PDB file of N, CA and C in Angstrom:
ATOM      1  N   MET A   1     -14.623   1.789  10.287  1.00  0.00           N
ATOM      2  CA  MET A   1     -14.524   0.935   9.040  1.00  0.00           C
ATOM      3  C   MET A   1     -15.114   1.628   8.201  1.00  0.00           C
ATOM      4  N   THR A   2     -14.428   1.459   6.674  1.00  0.00           N
ATOM      5  CA  THR A   2     -15.464   1.793   5.667  1.00  0.00           C
ATOM      6  C   THR A   2     -15.573   0.589   4.911  1.00  0.00           C
ATOM      7  N   GLY A   3     -17.253   0.912   4.325  1.00  0.00           N
ATOM      8  CA  GLY A   3     -17.489  -0.181   3.387  1.00  0.00           C
ATOM      9  C   GLY A   3     -17.272  -1.799   3.778  1.00  0.00           C
ATOM     10  N   VAL A   4     -17.410  -2.779   3.268  1.00  0.00           N
ATOM     11  CA  VAL A   4     -16.941  -4.396   3.281  1.00  0.00           C
ATOM     12  C   VAL A   4     -16.412  -4.440   2.531  1.00  0.00           C
ATOM     13  N   THR A   5     -14.874  -5.239   2.780  1.00  0.00           N
ATOM     14  CA  THR A   5     -13.764  -6.129   1.939  1.00  0.00           C
ATOM     15  C   THR A   5     -14.140  -7.087   2.679  1.00  0.00           C
ATOM     16  N   GLN A   6     -14.250  -7.929   1.001  1.00  0.00           N
ATOM     17  CA  GLN A   6     -14.181  -9.246   1.155  1.00  0.00           C
ATOM     18  C   GLN A   6     -13.427 -10.075   0.665  1.00  0.00           C
ATOM     19  N   ILE A   7     -13.328 -11.623   0.072  1.00  0.00           N
ATOM     20  CA  ILE A   7     -11.905 -12.057  -0.404  1.00  0.00           C
ATOM     21  C   ILE A   7     -12.991 -12.262  -1.979  1.00  0.00           C
ATOM     22  N   ASP A   8     -12.620 -11.964  -2.764  1.00  0.00           N
ATOM     23  CA  ASP A   8     -12.414 -11.658  -4.019  1.00  0.00           C
ATOM     24  C   ASP A   8     -12.637 -12.369  -5.058  1.00  0.00           C
ATOM     25  N   PHE A   9     -11.577 -12.790  -4.976  1.00  0.00           N
ATOM     26  CA  PHE A   9     -10.046 -13.477  -6.185  1.00  0.00           C
ATOM     27  C   PHE A   9      -8.670 -13.871  -5.957  1.00  0.00           C
ATOM     28  N   VAL A  10      -8.490 -15.168  -6.452  1.00  0.00           N
ATOM     29  CA  VAL A  10      -7.280 -15.879  -6.061  1.00  0.00           C
ATOM     30  C   VAL A  10      -6.531 -15.322  -7.660  1.00  0.00           C
ATOM     31  N   GLU A  11      -5.179 -15.255  -7.439  1.00  0.00           N
ATOM     32  CA  GLU A  11      -4.537 -14.792  -8.877  1.00  0.00           C
ATOM     33  C   GLU A  11      -3.083 -16.182  -8.506  1.00  0.00           C
ATOM     34  N   PHE A  12      -3.242 -16.773  -9.455  1.00  0.00           N
ATOM     35  CA  PHE A  12      -2.257 -18.071  -9.623  1.00  0.00           C
ATOM     36  C   PHE A  12      -0.814 -17.539 -10.373  1.00  0.00           C
ATOM     37  N   PRO A  13       0.665 -17.904  -9.835  1.00  0.00           N
ATOM     38  CA  PRO A  13       1.615 -17.399 -11.143  1.00  0.00           C
ATOM     39  C   PRO A  13       1.413 -18.536 -12.149  1.00  0.00           C
ATOM     40  N   ALA A  14       1.708 -18.470 -13.224  1.00  0.00           N
ATOM     41  CA  ALA A  14       2.630 -19.072 -14.128  1.00  0.00           C
ATOM     42  C   ALA A  14       4.172 -18.626 -14.786  1.00  0.00           C
ATOM     43  N   ARG A  15       4.623 -20.135 -14.988  1.00  0.00           N
ATOM     44  CA  ARG A  15       5.850 -19.550 -15.027  1.00  0.00           C
ATOM     45  C   ARG A  15       6.063 -18.752 -16.524  1.00  0.00           C
ATOM     46  N   SER A  16       5.248 -19.402 -17.304  1.00  0.00           N
ATOM     47  CA  SER A  16       5.763 -18.363 -19.342  1.00  0.00           C
ATOM     48  C   SER A  16       3.799 -18.793 -19.632  1.00  0.00           C
ATOM     49  N   SER A  17       3.900 -17.596 -20.503  1.00  0.00           N
ATOM     50  CA  SER A  17       2.927 -17.529 -21.490  1.00  0.00           C
ATOM     51  C   SER A  17       2.343 -19.340 -21.849  1.00  0.00           C
ATOM     52  N   ALA A  18       2.999 -20.092 -21.941  1.00  0.00           N
ATOM     53  CA  ALA A  18       2.889 -21.327 -22.844  1.00  0.00           C
ATOM     54  C   ALA A  18       2.300 -21.658 -21.668  1.00  0.00           C
ATOM     55  N   ALA A  19       3.074 -21.830 -20.407  1.00  0.00           N
ATOM     56  CA  ALA A  19       2.473 -22.663 -18.993  1.00  0.00           C
ATOM     57  C   ALA A  19       1.141 -22.129 -18.970  1.00  0.00           C
ATOM     58  N   LEU A  20       0.890 -20.860 -19.281  1.00  0.00           N
ATOM     59  CA  LEU A  20      -0.874 -20.162 -18.751  1.00  0.00           C
ATOM     60  C   LEU A  20      -1.689 -20.686 -19.745  1.00  0.00           C
ATOM     61  N   GLN A  21      -1.096 -20.834 -21.002  1.00  0.00           N
ATOM     62  CA  GLN A  21      -2.300 -21.443 -21.556  1.00  0.00           C
ATOM     63  C   GLN A  21      -2.374 -22.762 -21.906  1.00  0.00           C
ATOM     64  N   GLN A  22      -1.372 -23.842 -21.352  1.00  0.00           N
ATOM     65  CA  GLN A  22      -1.550 -25.107 -21.113  1.00  0.00           C
ATOM     66  C   GLN A  22      -1.958 -25.386 -19.422  1.00  0.00           C
ATOM     67  N   THR A  23      -2.641 -24.081 -18.599  1.00  0.00           N
ATOM     68  CA  THR A  23      -2.643 -24.215 -17.645  1.00  0.00           C
ATOM     69  C   THR A  23      -4.823 -24.008 -17.686  1.00  0.00           C
ATOM     70  N   VAL A  24      -4.603 -22.819 -18.906  1.00  0.00           N
ATOM     71  CA  VAL A  24      -5.818 -23.064 -18.745  1.00  0.00           C
ATOM     72  C   VAL A  24      -6.455 -24.209 -19.628  1.00  0.00           C
ATOM     73  N   ASP A  25      -6.406 -24.276 -20.513  1.00  0.00           N
ATOM     74  CA  ASP A  25      -6.415 -26.160 -21.261  1.00  0.00           C
ATOM     75  C   ASP A  25      -6.990 -27.097 -20.068  1.00  0.00           C
ATOM     76  N   PHE A  26      -6.299 -27.100 -19.114  1.00  0.00           N
ATOM     77  CA  PHE A  26      -6.143 -28.144 -18.430  1.00  0.00           C
ATOM     78  C   PHE A  26      -7.754 -27.794 -17.347  1.00  0.00           C
ATOM     79  N   TYR A  27      -7.941 -26.319 -16.696  1.00  0.00           N
ATOM     80  CA  TYR A  27      -9.008 -26.112 -16.415  1.00  0.00           C
ATOM     81  C   TYR A  27      -9.925 -26.512 -16.555  1.00  0.00           C
ATOM     82  N   ARG A  28     -10.220 -25.862 -18.168  1.00  0.00           N
ATOM     83  CA  ARG A  28     -11.310 -26.055 -19.102  1.00  0.00           C
ATOM     84  C   ARG A  28     -11.603 -27.548 -19.264  1.00  0.00           C
ATOM     85  N   GLN A  29     -10.192 -28.397 -19.354  1.00  0.00           N
ATOM     86  CA  GLN A  29     -11.020 -29.559 -19.633  1.00  0.00           C
ATOM     87  C   GLN A  29     -11.237 -30.738 -18.055  1.00  0.00           C
ATOM     88  N   ALA A  30     -10.553 -29.994 -17.177  1.00  0.00           N
ATOM     89  CA  ALA A  30     -11.088 -30.847 -16.088  1.00  0.00           C
ATOM     90  C   ALA A  30     -12.371 -30.280 -14.961  1.00  0.00           C
ATOM     91  N   PHE A  31     -12.832 -28.756 -15.097  1.00  0.00           N
ATOM     92  CA  PHE A  31     -13.863 -28.135 -14.509  1.00  0.00           C
ATOM     93  C   PHE A  31     -15.018 -28.127 -15.303  1.00  0.00           C
ATOM     94  N   GLY A  32     -14.510 -27.637 -16.760  1.00  0.00           N
ATOM     95  CA  GLY A  32     -15.321 -26.627 -17.681  1.00  0.00           C
ATOM     96  C   GLY A  32     -15.305 -24.765 -17.781  1.00  0.00           C
ATOM     97  N   TRP A  33     -14.636 -24.987 -16.937  1.00  0.00           N
ATOM     98  CA  TRP A  33     -13.914 -23.066 -16.508  1.00  0.00           C
ATOM     99  C   TRP A  33     -14.059 -22.701 -17.740  1.00  0.00           C
ATOM    100  N   GLN A  34     -14.319 -21.524 -18.023  1.00  0.00           N
ATOM    101  CA  GLN A  34     -14.097 -21.027 -19.621  1.00  0.00           C
ATOM    102  C   GLN A  34     -13.351 -18.973 -18.955  1.00  0.00           C
ATOM    103  N   TYR A  35     -12.492 -19.368 -19.802  1.00  0.00           N
ATOM    104  CA  TYR A  35     -11.422 -17.756 -19.155  1.00  0.00           C
ATOM    105  C   TYR A  35     -11.281 -17.029 -20.159  1.00  0.00           C
ATOM    106  N   GLN A  36     -11.475 -15.540 -20.028  1.00  0.00           N
ATOM    107  CA  GLN A  36     -11.086 -14.239 -20.562  1.00  0.00           C
ATOM    108  C   GLN A  36      -9.974 -14.225 -20.694  1.00  0.00           C
ATOM    109  N   GLN A  37      -9.423 -13.677 -22.022  1.00  0.00           N
ATOM    110  CA  GLN A  37      -7.587 -14.018 -22.141  1.00  0.00           C
ATOM    111  C   GLN A  37      -7.417 -11.690 -22.021  1.00  0.00           C
ATOM    112  N   TRP A  38      -6.537 -11.566 -21.213  1.00  0.00           N
ATOM    113  CA  TRP A  38      -6.370  -9.994 -21.135  1.00  0.00           C
ATOM    114  C   TRP A  38      -4.831 -10.308 -22.071  1.00  0.00           C
ATOM    115  N   GLY A  39      -4.739 -10.722 -23.383  1.00  0.00           N
ATOM    116  CA  GLY A  39      -2.977 -10.496 -23.828  1.00  0.00           C
ATOM    117  C   GLY A  39      -2.627 -11.840 -23.643  1.00  0.00           C
ATOM    118  N   GLU A  40      -1.385 -12.144 -23.768  1.00  0.00           N
ATOM    119  CA  GLU A  40      -0.315 -13.608 -23.650  1.00  0.00           C
ATOM    120  C   GLU A  40      -0.220 -13.316 -22.180  1.00  0.00           C
ATOM    121  N   ASP A  41      -0.130 -12.785 -21.049  1.00  0.00           N
ATOM    122  CA  ASP A  41       0.180 -13.247 -20.144  1.00  0.00           C
ATOM    123  C   ASP A  41      -0.898 -13.013 -18.838  1.00  0.00           C
ATOM    124  N   TYR A  42      -2.627 -13.001 -19.257  1.00  0.00           N
ATOM    125  CA  TYR A  42      -2.736 -13.003 -18.010  1.00  0.00           C
ATOM    126  C   TYR A  42      -4.131 -13.475 -18.945  1.00  0.00           C
ATOM    127  N   ALA A  43      -4.966 -14.132 -17.966  1.00  0.00           N
ATOM    128  CA  ALA A  43      -6.501 -15.197 -18.502  1.00  0.00           C
ATOM    129  C   ALA A  43      -7.228 -15.276 -16.686  1.00  0.00           C
ATOM    130  N   ASP A  44      -8.657 -14.613 -16.683  1.00  0.00           N
ATOM    131  CA  ASP A  44      -9.137 -14.342 -15.166  1.00  0.00           C
ATOM    132  C   ASP A  44     -10.350 -15.785 -15.677  1.00  0.00           C
ATOM    133  N   THR A  45     -10.821 -16.240 -14.638  1.00  0.00           N
ATOM    134  CA  THR A  45     -12.731 -16.803 -14.934  1.00  0.00           C
ATOM    135  C   THR A  45     -13.003 -16.424 -13.653  1.00  0.00           C
ATOM    136  N   ARG A  46     -14.480 -16.578 -13.887  1.00  0.00           N
ATOM    137  CA  ARG A  46     -15.393 -16.158 -12.492  1.00  0.00           C
ATOM    138  C   ARG A  46     -16.624 -17.812 -12.457  1.00  0.00           C
ATOM    139  N   ASP A  47     -16.218 -18.604 -13.063  1.00  0.00           N
ATOM    140  CA  ASP A  47     -16.614 -19.878 -13.019  1.00  0.00           C
ATOM    141  C   ASP A  47     -16.230 -21.054 -11.995  1.00  0.00           C
ATOM    142  N   SER A  48     -15.164 -20.649 -11.373  1.00  0.00           N
ATOM    143  CA  SER A  48     -14.388 -21.167 -10.423  1.00  0.00           C
ATOM    144  C   SER A  48     -14.358 -21.096  -9.201  1.00  0.00           C
ATOM    145  N   GLY A  49     -15.551 -20.507  -8.713  1.00  0.00           N
ATOM    146  CA  GLY A  49     -16.105 -19.939  -7.260  1.00  0.00           C
ATOM    147  C   GLY A  49     -16.002 -18.410  -6.792  1.00  0.00           C
ATOM    148  N   VAL A  50     -15.170 -18.861  -6.337  1.00  0.00           N
ATOM    149  CA  VAL A  50     -14.456 -17.649  -6.255  1.00  0.00           C
ATOM    150  C   VAL A  50     -13.781 -17.072  -7.401  1.00  0.00           C
ATOM    151  N   GLY A  51     -13.775 -15.964  -7.704  1.00  0.00           N
ATOM    152  CA  GLY A  51     -13.050 -15.543  -9.038  1.00  0.00           C
ATOM    153  C   GLY A  51     -11.540 -15.779  -9.154  1.00  0.00           C
ATOM    154  N   SER A  52     -10.833 -16.398 -10.156  1.00  0.00           N
ATOM    155  CA  SER A  52      -9.007 -16.616 -10.000  1.00  0.00           C
ATOM    156  C   SER A  52      -8.884 -16.294 -11.355  1.00  0.00           C
ATOM    157  N   GLY A  53      -7.480 -16.021 -11.644  1.00  0.00           N
ATOM    158  CA  GLY A  53      -6.543 -15.620 -13.069  1.00  0.00           C
ATOM    159  C   GLY A  53      -5.522 -16.562 -12.870  1.00  0.00           C
ATOM    160  N   LEU A  54      -4.881 -15.986 -13.755  1.00  0.00           N
ATOM    161  CA  LEU A  54      -3.723 -16.712 -13.891  1.00  0.00           C
ATOM    162  C   LEU A  54      -2.670 -15.827 -14.369  1.00  0.00           C
ATOM    163  N   ASN A  55      -1.444 -15.452 -13.718  1.00  0.00           N
ATOM    164  CA  ASN A  55      -0.701 -14.763 -14.285  1.00  0.00           C
ATOM    165  C   ASN A  55       0.642 -14.908 -14.845  1.00  0.00           C
ATOM    166  N   ALA A  56       1.009 -14.373 -15.786  1.00  0.00           N
ATOM    167  CA  ALA A  56       2.563 -15.148 -16.559  1.00  0.00           C
ATOM    168  C   ALA A  56       3.376 -13.999 -16.728  1.00  0.00           C
ATOM    169  N   ASP A  57       2.928 -12.825 -16.336  1.00  0.00           N
ATOM    170  CA  ASP A  57       3.953 -11.303 -16.244  1.00  0.00           C
ATOM    171  C   ASP A  57       4.671 -11.371 -15.094  1.00  0.00           C
ATOM    172  N   ALA A  58       6.148 -11.751 -15.727  1.00  0.00           N
ATOM    173  CA  ALA A  58       7.555 -11.954 -15.193  1.00  0.00           C
ATOM    174  C   ALA A  58       7.769 -10.607 -13.726  1.00  0.00           C
ATOM    175  N   ALA A  59       6.741  -9.476 -14.468  1.00  0.00           N
ATOM    176  CA  ALA A  59       7.412  -8.501 -13.398  1.00  0.00           C
ATOM    177  C   ALA A  59       6.220  -8.340 -12.614  1.00  0.00           C
ATOM    178  N   HIS A  60       5.104  -9.226 -12.617  1.00  0.00           N
ATOM    179  CA  HIS A  60       3.840  -8.710 -11.553  1.00  0.00           C
ATOM    180  C   HIS A  60       3.346 -10.072 -11.057  1.00  0.00           C
ATOM    181  N   ARG A  61       4.083 -11.017 -11.578  1.00  0.00           N
ATOM    182  CA  ARG A  61       3.191 -12.182 -10.578  1.00  0.00           C
ATOM    183  C   ARG A  61       4.405 -12.489 -10.039  1.00  0.00           C
ATOM    184  N   GLY A  62       3.890 -13.451  -8.276  1.00  0.00           N
ATOM    185  CA  GLY A  62       4.353 -13.496  -7.519  1.00  0.00           C
ATOM    186  C   GLY A  62       4.992 -15.367  -7.472  1.00  0.00           C
ATOM    187  N   PRO A  63       5.259 -15.549  -6.097  1.00  0.00           N
ATOM    188  CA  PRO A  63       6.042 -16.936  -6.101  1.00  0.00           C
ATOM    189  C   PRO A  63       5.332 -17.798  -6.464  1.00  0.00           C
ATOM    190  N   ALA A  64       3.843 -17.285  -4.944  1.00  0.00           N
ATOM    191  CA  ALA A  64       2.921 -18.375  -4.612  1.00  0.00           C
ATOM    192  C   ALA A  64       1.481 -17.394  -5.403  1.00  0.00           C
ATOM    193  N   PRO A  65       0.102 -18.274  -4.853  1.00  0.00           N
ATOM    194  CA  PRO A  65      -1.285 -17.575  -4.770  1.00  0.00           C
ATOM    195  C   PRO A  65      -1.574 -16.481  -4.433  1.00  0.00           C
ATOM    196  N   LEU A  66      -1.996 -15.638  -5.178  1.00  0.00           N
ATOM    197  CA  LEU A  66      -2.548 -14.263  -4.279  1.00  0.00           C
ATOM    198  C   LEU A  66      -3.707 -14.244  -3.548  1.00  0.00           C
ATOM    199  N   VAL A  67      -4.401 -13.858  -2.382  1.00  0.00           N
ATOM    200  CA  VAL A  67      -5.378 -13.484  -2.483  1.00  0.00           C
ATOM    201  C   VAL A  67      -5.547 -12.599  -2.454  1.00  0.00           C
ATOM    202  N   VAL A  68      -6.696 -11.608  -3.218  1.00  0.00           N
ATOM    203  CA  VAL A  68      -6.980 -10.149  -3.788  1.00  0.00           C
ATOM    204  C   VAL A  68      -8.907 -10.040  -2.885  1.00  0.00           C
ATOM    205  N   LEU A  69      -8.743  -8.980  -1.969  1.00  0.00           N
ATOM    206  CA  LEU A  69      -9.770  -9.118  -1.692  1.00  0.00           C
ATOM    207  C   LEU A  69     -10.242  -7.506  -2.157  1.00  0.00           C
ATOM    208  N   ARG A  70     -11.536  -7.626  -2.582  1.00  0.00           N
ATOM    209  CA  ARG A  70     -12.655  -6.255  -2.749  1.00  0.00           C
ATOM    210  C   ARG A  70     -12.794  -5.173  -2.082  1.00  0.00           C
ATOM    211  N   THR A  71     -12.805  -3.858  -2.532  1.00  0.00           N
ATOM    212  CA  THR A  71     -13.127  -3.255  -0.969  1.00  0.00           C
ATOM    213  C   THR A  71     -14.012  -1.865  -2.007  1.00  0.00           C
ATOM    214  N   VAL A  72     -15.225  -1.092  -1.384  1.00  0.00           N
ATOM    215  CA  VAL A  72     -15.639  -0.153  -2.132  1.00  0.00           C
ATOM    216  C   VAL A  72     -14.569   1.508  -1.966  1.00  0.00           C
ATOM    217  N   ASP A  73     -13.719   1.389  -1.144  1.00  0.00           N
ATOM    218  CA  ASP A  73     -13.096   2.554  -0.531  1.00  0.00           C
ATOM    219  C   ASP A  73     -11.577   2.280   0.014  1.00  0.00           C
ATOM    220  N   LEU A  74     -10.678   2.110  -1.498  1.00  0.00           N
ATOM    221  CA  LEU A  74      -9.941   1.743  -1.371  1.00  0.00           C
ATOM    222  C   LEU A  74      -8.092   2.630  -0.528  1.00  0.00           C
ATOM    223  N   GLU A  75      -8.704   3.407  -0.673  1.00  0.00           N
ATOM    224  CA  GLU A  75      -7.505   4.525   0.202  1.00  0.00           C
ATOM    225  C   GLU A  75      -7.772   4.192   1.612  1.00  0.00           C
ATOM    226  N   GLN A  76      -9.268   4.200   2.342  1.00  0.00           N
ATOM    227  CA  GLN A  76      -9.725   3.828   3.716  1.00  0.00           C
ATOM    228  C   GLN A  76      -8.981   2.440   3.739  1.00  0.00           C
ATOM    229  N   ALA A  77      -9.112   1.804   3.119  1.00  0.00           N
ATOM    230  CA  ALA A  77      -8.374   0.293   3.215  1.00  0.00           C
ATOM    231  C   ALA A  77      -7.114   0.626   3.238  1.00  0.00           C
ATOM    232  N   ARG A  78      -6.267   0.774   3.007  1.00  0.00           N
ATOM    233  CA  ARG A  78      -4.863   1.088   2.724  1.00  0.00           C
ATOM    234  C   ARG A  78      -4.568   2.253   4.093  1.00  0.00           C
ATOM    235  N   GLN A  79      -5.620   2.456   4.630  1.00  0.00           N
ATOM    236  CA  GLN A  79      -5.157   3.013   5.789  1.00  0.00           C
ATOM    237  C   GLN A  79      -5.650   2.149   7.187  1.00  0.00           C
ATOM    238  N   ASN A  80      -6.599   1.164   6.601  1.00  0.00           N
ATOM    239  CA  ASN A  80      -6.712   0.422   7.972  1.00  0.00           C
ATOM    240  C   ASN A  80      -5.842  -0.927   7.749  1.00  0.00           C
ATOM    241  N   VAL A  81      -5.549  -1.110   6.667  1.00  0.00           N
ATOM    242  CA  VAL A  81      -4.268  -2.398   6.659  1.00  0.00           C
ATOM    243  C   VAL A  81      -2.997  -1.419   7.317  1.00  0.00           C
ATOM    244  N   LEU A  82      -2.486  -0.332   7.228  1.00  0.00           N
ATOM    245  CA  LEU A  82      -1.221   0.214   7.958  1.00  0.00           C
ATOM    246  C   LEU A  82      -1.271   0.729   9.191  1.00  0.00           C
ATOM    247  N   ALA A  83      -2.596   0.870   9.296  1.00  0.00           N
ATOM    248  CA  ALA A  83      -2.581   1.194  10.787  1.00  0.00           C
ATOM    249  C   ALA A  83      -2.945  -0.077  11.848  1.00  0.00           C
ATOM    250  N   ALA A  84      -3.359  -1.313  11.038  1.00  0.00           N
ATOM    251  CA  ALA A  84      -3.388  -2.966  11.911  1.00  0.00           C
ATOM    252  C   ALA A  84      -1.943  -3.388  11.572  1.00  0.00           C
ATOM    253  N   GLY A  85      -1.153  -2.494  11.261  1.00  0.00           N
ATOM    254  CA  GLY A  85       0.197  -3.462  11.349  1.00  0.00           C
ATOM    255  C   GLY A  85       0.605  -4.177   9.911  1.00  0.00           C
ATOM    256  N   GLY A  86      -0.047  -4.178   8.716  1.00  0.00           N
ATOM    257  CA  GLY A  86      -0.017  -4.306   8.003  1.00  0.00           C
ATOM    258  C   GLY A  86       1.284  -3.671   6.833  1.00  0.00           C
ATOM    259  N   VAL A  87       2.004  -4.511   6.287  1.00  0.00           N
ATOM    260  CA  VAL A  87       3.522  -4.037   5.427  1.00  0.00           C
ATOM    261  C   VAL A  87       3.031  -3.654   4.124  1.00  0.00           C
ATOM    262  N   LEU A  88       3.570  -2.330   3.522  1.00  0.00           N
ATOM    263  CA  LEU A  88       2.914  -2.017   2.034  1.00  0.00           C
ATOM    264  C   LEU A  88       3.775  -2.738   1.302  1.00  0.00           C
ATOM    265  N   VAL A  89       3.305  -3.601   0.427  1.00  0.00           N
ATOM    266  CA  VAL A  89       4.657  -4.311  -0.794  1.00  0.00           C
ATOM    267  C   VAL A  89       4.596  -3.550  -2.261  1.00  0.00           C
ATOM    268  N   ARG A  90       3.401  -3.223  -2.261  1.00  0.00           N
ATOM    269  CA  ARG A  90       2.732  -2.239  -3.640  1.00  0.00           C
ATOM    270  C   ARG A  90       1.832  -1.282  -3.393  1.00  0.00           C
ATOM    271  N   ASP A  91       2.082   0.101  -3.982  1.00  0.00           N
ATOM    272  CA  ASP A  91       1.565   0.954  -3.834  1.00  0.00           C
ATOM    273  C   ASP A  91       0.615   0.848  -4.535  1.00  0.00           C
ATOM    274  N   ILE A  92      -0.466   1.591  -4.120  1.00  0.00           N
ATOM    275  CA  ILE A  92      -1.834   1.433  -5.147  1.00  0.00           C
ATOM    276  C   ILE A  92      -1.221   1.795  -6.484  1.00  0.00           C
ATOM    277  N   PHE A  93      -1.732   1.389  -7.440  1.00  0.00           N
ATOM    278  CA  PHE A  93      -1.787   0.975  -8.985  1.00  0.00           C
ATOM    279  C   PHE A  93      -3.139   0.763 -10.161  1.00  0.00           C
ATOM    280  N   ALA A  94      -3.110   1.152 -11.059  1.00  0.00           N
ATOM    281  CA  ALA A  94      -3.867   1.172 -11.832  1.00  0.00           C
ATOM    282  C   ALA A  94      -3.994   0.075 -12.858  1.00  0.00           C
ATOM    283  N   PHE A  95      -5.118  -0.956 -12.772  1.00  0.00           N
ATOM    284  CA  PHE A  95      -5.020  -2.352 -14.027  1.00  0.00           C
ATOM    285  C   PHE A  95      -6.387  -1.844 -14.604  1.00  0.00           C
ATOM    286  N   PRO A  96      -6.530  -2.672 -15.510  1.00  0.00           N
ATOM    287  CA  PRO A  96      -7.423  -2.398 -16.447  1.00  0.00           C
ATOM    288  C   PRO A  96      -8.970  -3.170 -15.587  1.00  0.00           C
ATOM    289  N   GLY A  97      -9.919  -2.039 -15.444  1.00  0.00           N
ATOM    290  CA  GLY A  97     -10.650  -2.230 -14.668  1.00  0.00           C
ATOM    291  C   GLY A  97     -10.887  -2.007 -13.002  1.00  0.00           C
ATOM    292  N   GLY A  98      -9.624  -1.407 -12.508  1.00  0.00           N
ATOM    293  CA  GLY A  98      -9.550  -0.908 -11.050  1.00  0.00           C
ATOM    294  C   GLY A  98      -8.137  -0.766 -10.657  1.00  0.00           C
ATOM    295  N   ARG A  99      -8.153  -0.445  -9.704  1.00  0.00           N
ATOM    296  CA  ARG A  99      -7.035   0.389  -9.169  1.00  0.00           C
ATOM    297  C   ARG A  99      -6.808  -1.565  -8.054  1.00  0.00           C
ATOM    298  N   ARG A 100      -5.875  -1.371  -7.262  1.00  0.00           N
ATOM    299  CA  ARG A 100      -4.796  -2.512  -6.016  1.00  0.00           C
ATOM    300  C   ARG A 100      -3.729  -1.903  -5.613  1.00  0.00           C
ATOM    301  N   PHE A 101      -3.307  -2.145  -4.168  1.00  0.00           N
ATOM    302  CA  PHE A 101      -2.046  -2.383  -4.118  1.00  0.00           C
ATOM    303  C   PHE A 101      -1.987  -3.843  -3.442  1.00  0.00           C
ATOM    304  N   HIS A 102      -0.932  -4.283  -2.773  1.00  0.00           N
ATOM    305  CA  HIS A 102       0.129  -5.409  -2.614  1.00  0.00           C
ATOM    306  C   HIS A 102       0.053  -5.154  -0.537  1.00  0.00           C
ATOM    307  N   PHE A 103      -0.136  -6.042   0.173  1.00  0.00           N
ATOM    308  CA  PHE A 103       0.834  -5.482   0.956  1.00  0.00           C
ATOM    309  C   PHE A 103       0.389  -7.274   2.354  1.00  0.00           C
ATOM    310  N   THR A 104       1.815  -7.166   3.011  1.00  0.00           N
ATOM    311  CA  THR A 104       1.749  -8.755   3.537  1.00  0.00           C
ATOM    312  C   THR A 104       1.220  -8.559   5.343  1.00  0.00           C
ATOM    313  N   ASP A 105       0.148  -9.261   5.689  1.00  0.00           N
ATOM    314  CA  ASP A 105       0.587  -9.600   7.031  1.00  0.00           C
ATOM    315  C   ASP A 105       1.436 -10.071   7.572  1.00  0.00           C
ATOM    316  N   PRO A 106       0.666  -9.665   9.568  1.00  0.00           N
ATOM    317  CA  PRO A 106       2.028 -10.115  10.157  1.00  0.00           C
ATOM    318  C   PRO A 106       2.197 -11.769   9.729  1.00  0.00           C
ATOM    319  N   ALA A 107       2.124 -12.769   9.463  1.00  0.00           N
ATOM    320  CA  ALA A 107       2.432 -13.722   9.386  1.00  0.00           C
ATOM    321  C   ALA A 107       2.962 -14.029   8.216  1.00  0.00           C
ATOM    322  N   GLY A 108       3.445 -12.627   7.267  1.00  0.00           N
ATOM    323  CA  GLY A 108       4.320 -12.493   6.247  1.00  0.00           C
ATOM    324  C   GLY A 108       3.359 -12.730   4.507  1.00  0.00           C
ATOM    325  N   ASN A 109       2.155 -13.322   4.718  1.00  0.00           N
ATOM    326  CA  ASN A 109       1.227 -13.496   3.568  1.00  0.00           C
ATOM    327  C   ASN A 109       1.030 -12.451   2.685  1.00  0.00           C
ATOM    328  N   GLU A 110       1.094 -12.321   1.552  1.00  0.00           N
ATOM    329  CA  GLU A 110       0.812 -11.140   1.239  1.00  0.00           C
ATOM    330  C   GLU A 110      -0.378 -11.167   0.354  1.00  0.00           C
ATOM    331  N   LEU A 111      -1.195 -10.660  -0.180  1.00  0.00           N
ATOM    332  CA  LEU A 111      -2.721 -10.459  -0.189  1.00  0.00           C
ATOM    333  C   LEU A 111      -2.543  -8.406  -0.897  1.00  0.00           C
ATOM    334  N   ALA A 112      -3.533  -9.310  -2.003  1.00  0.00           N
ATOM    335  CA  ALA A 112      -3.880  -7.350  -2.666  1.00  0.00           C
ATOM    336  C   ALA A 112      -5.550  -6.873  -2.234  1.00  0.00           C
ATOM    337  N   ILE A 113      -5.617  -5.396  -2.600  1.00  0.00           N
ATOM    338  CA  ILE A 113      -6.996  -5.147  -2.014  1.00  0.00           C
ATOM    339  C   ILE A 113      -7.279  -4.531  -3.596  1.00  0.00           C
ATOM    340  N   TRP A 114      -8.182  -4.398  -4.011  1.00  0.00           N
ATOM    341  CA  TRP A 114      -8.517  -4.009  -5.200  1.00  0.00           C
ATOM    342  C   TRP A 114      -9.970  -3.256  -5.280  1.00  0.00           C
ATOM    343  N   SER A 115     -10.155  -1.885  -5.735  1.00  0.00           N
ATOM    344  CA  SER A 115     -11.393  -1.514  -6.457  1.00  0.00           C
ATOM    345  C   SER A 115     -11.721  -0.921  -7.555  1.00  0.00           C
ATOM    346  N   PRO A 116     -12.939  -1.532  -8.279  1.00  0.00           N
ATOM    347  CA  PRO A 116     -12.989  -1.652  -9.383  1.00  0.00           C
ATOM    348  C   PRO A 116     -13.034  -0.470  -9.579  1.00  0.00           C
ATOM    349  N   ASP A 117     -12.820   0.589 -11.272  1.00  0.00           N
ATOM    350  CA  ASP A 117     -13.435   1.549 -11.277  1.00  0.00           C
ATOM    351  C   ASP A 117     -14.891   1.604 -11.586  1.00  0.00           C
ATOM    352  N   VAL A 118     -15.186   3.299 -11.337  1.00  0.00           N
ATOM    353  CA  VAL A 118     -16.542   3.650 -10.824  1.00  0.00           C
ATOM    354  C   VAL A 118     -17.366   3.426 -11.971  1.00  0.00           C
ATOM    355  N   GLU A 119     -16.411   3.151 -13.690  1.00  0.00           N
ATOM    356  CA  GLU A 119     -17.638   3.150 -15.146  1.00  0.00           C
ATOM    357  C   GLU A 119     -17.558   1.554 -14.709  1.00  0.00           C
ATOM    358  N   GLY A 120     -16.313   0.898 -14.402  1.00  0.00           N
ATOM    359  CA  GLY A 120     -16.082  -0.681 -14.878  1.00  0.00           C
ATOM    360  C   GLY A 120     -17.495  -1.200 -13.963  1.00  0.00           C
ATOM    361  N   GLY A 121     -17.562  -0.389 -12.424  1.00  0.00           N
ATOM    362  CA  GLY A 121     -18.505  -1.319 -11.436  1.00  0.00           C
ATOM    363  C   GLY A 121     -17.986  -2.398 -11.194  1.00  0.00           C
TER     364      GLY A 121
END
């Protein structure tokens, strides 16, 4: 296998943009976490230990928290996941800062693997 793949991020669903803002306010007040807003439907923080985000985009949020792994070679990671028996849920796509894909493991857990843009490192 090439490169190191590690848990890098956890994405929590929010049922609406208003719920996302309420949740950001909650974590700011409860734990002092600071968030970067990415429009009305997404915010993330690195203050939570492992990075975490809140996703209110109905077209792209799952029903449960999403564990996101980081890798240096996204295509190789995709091949490794499929060869090990993972099931592709969403093929490689671009988002601000990088690219990622989603898969399920044999227990049915959905995860994502991402790789940053070269410029965004």
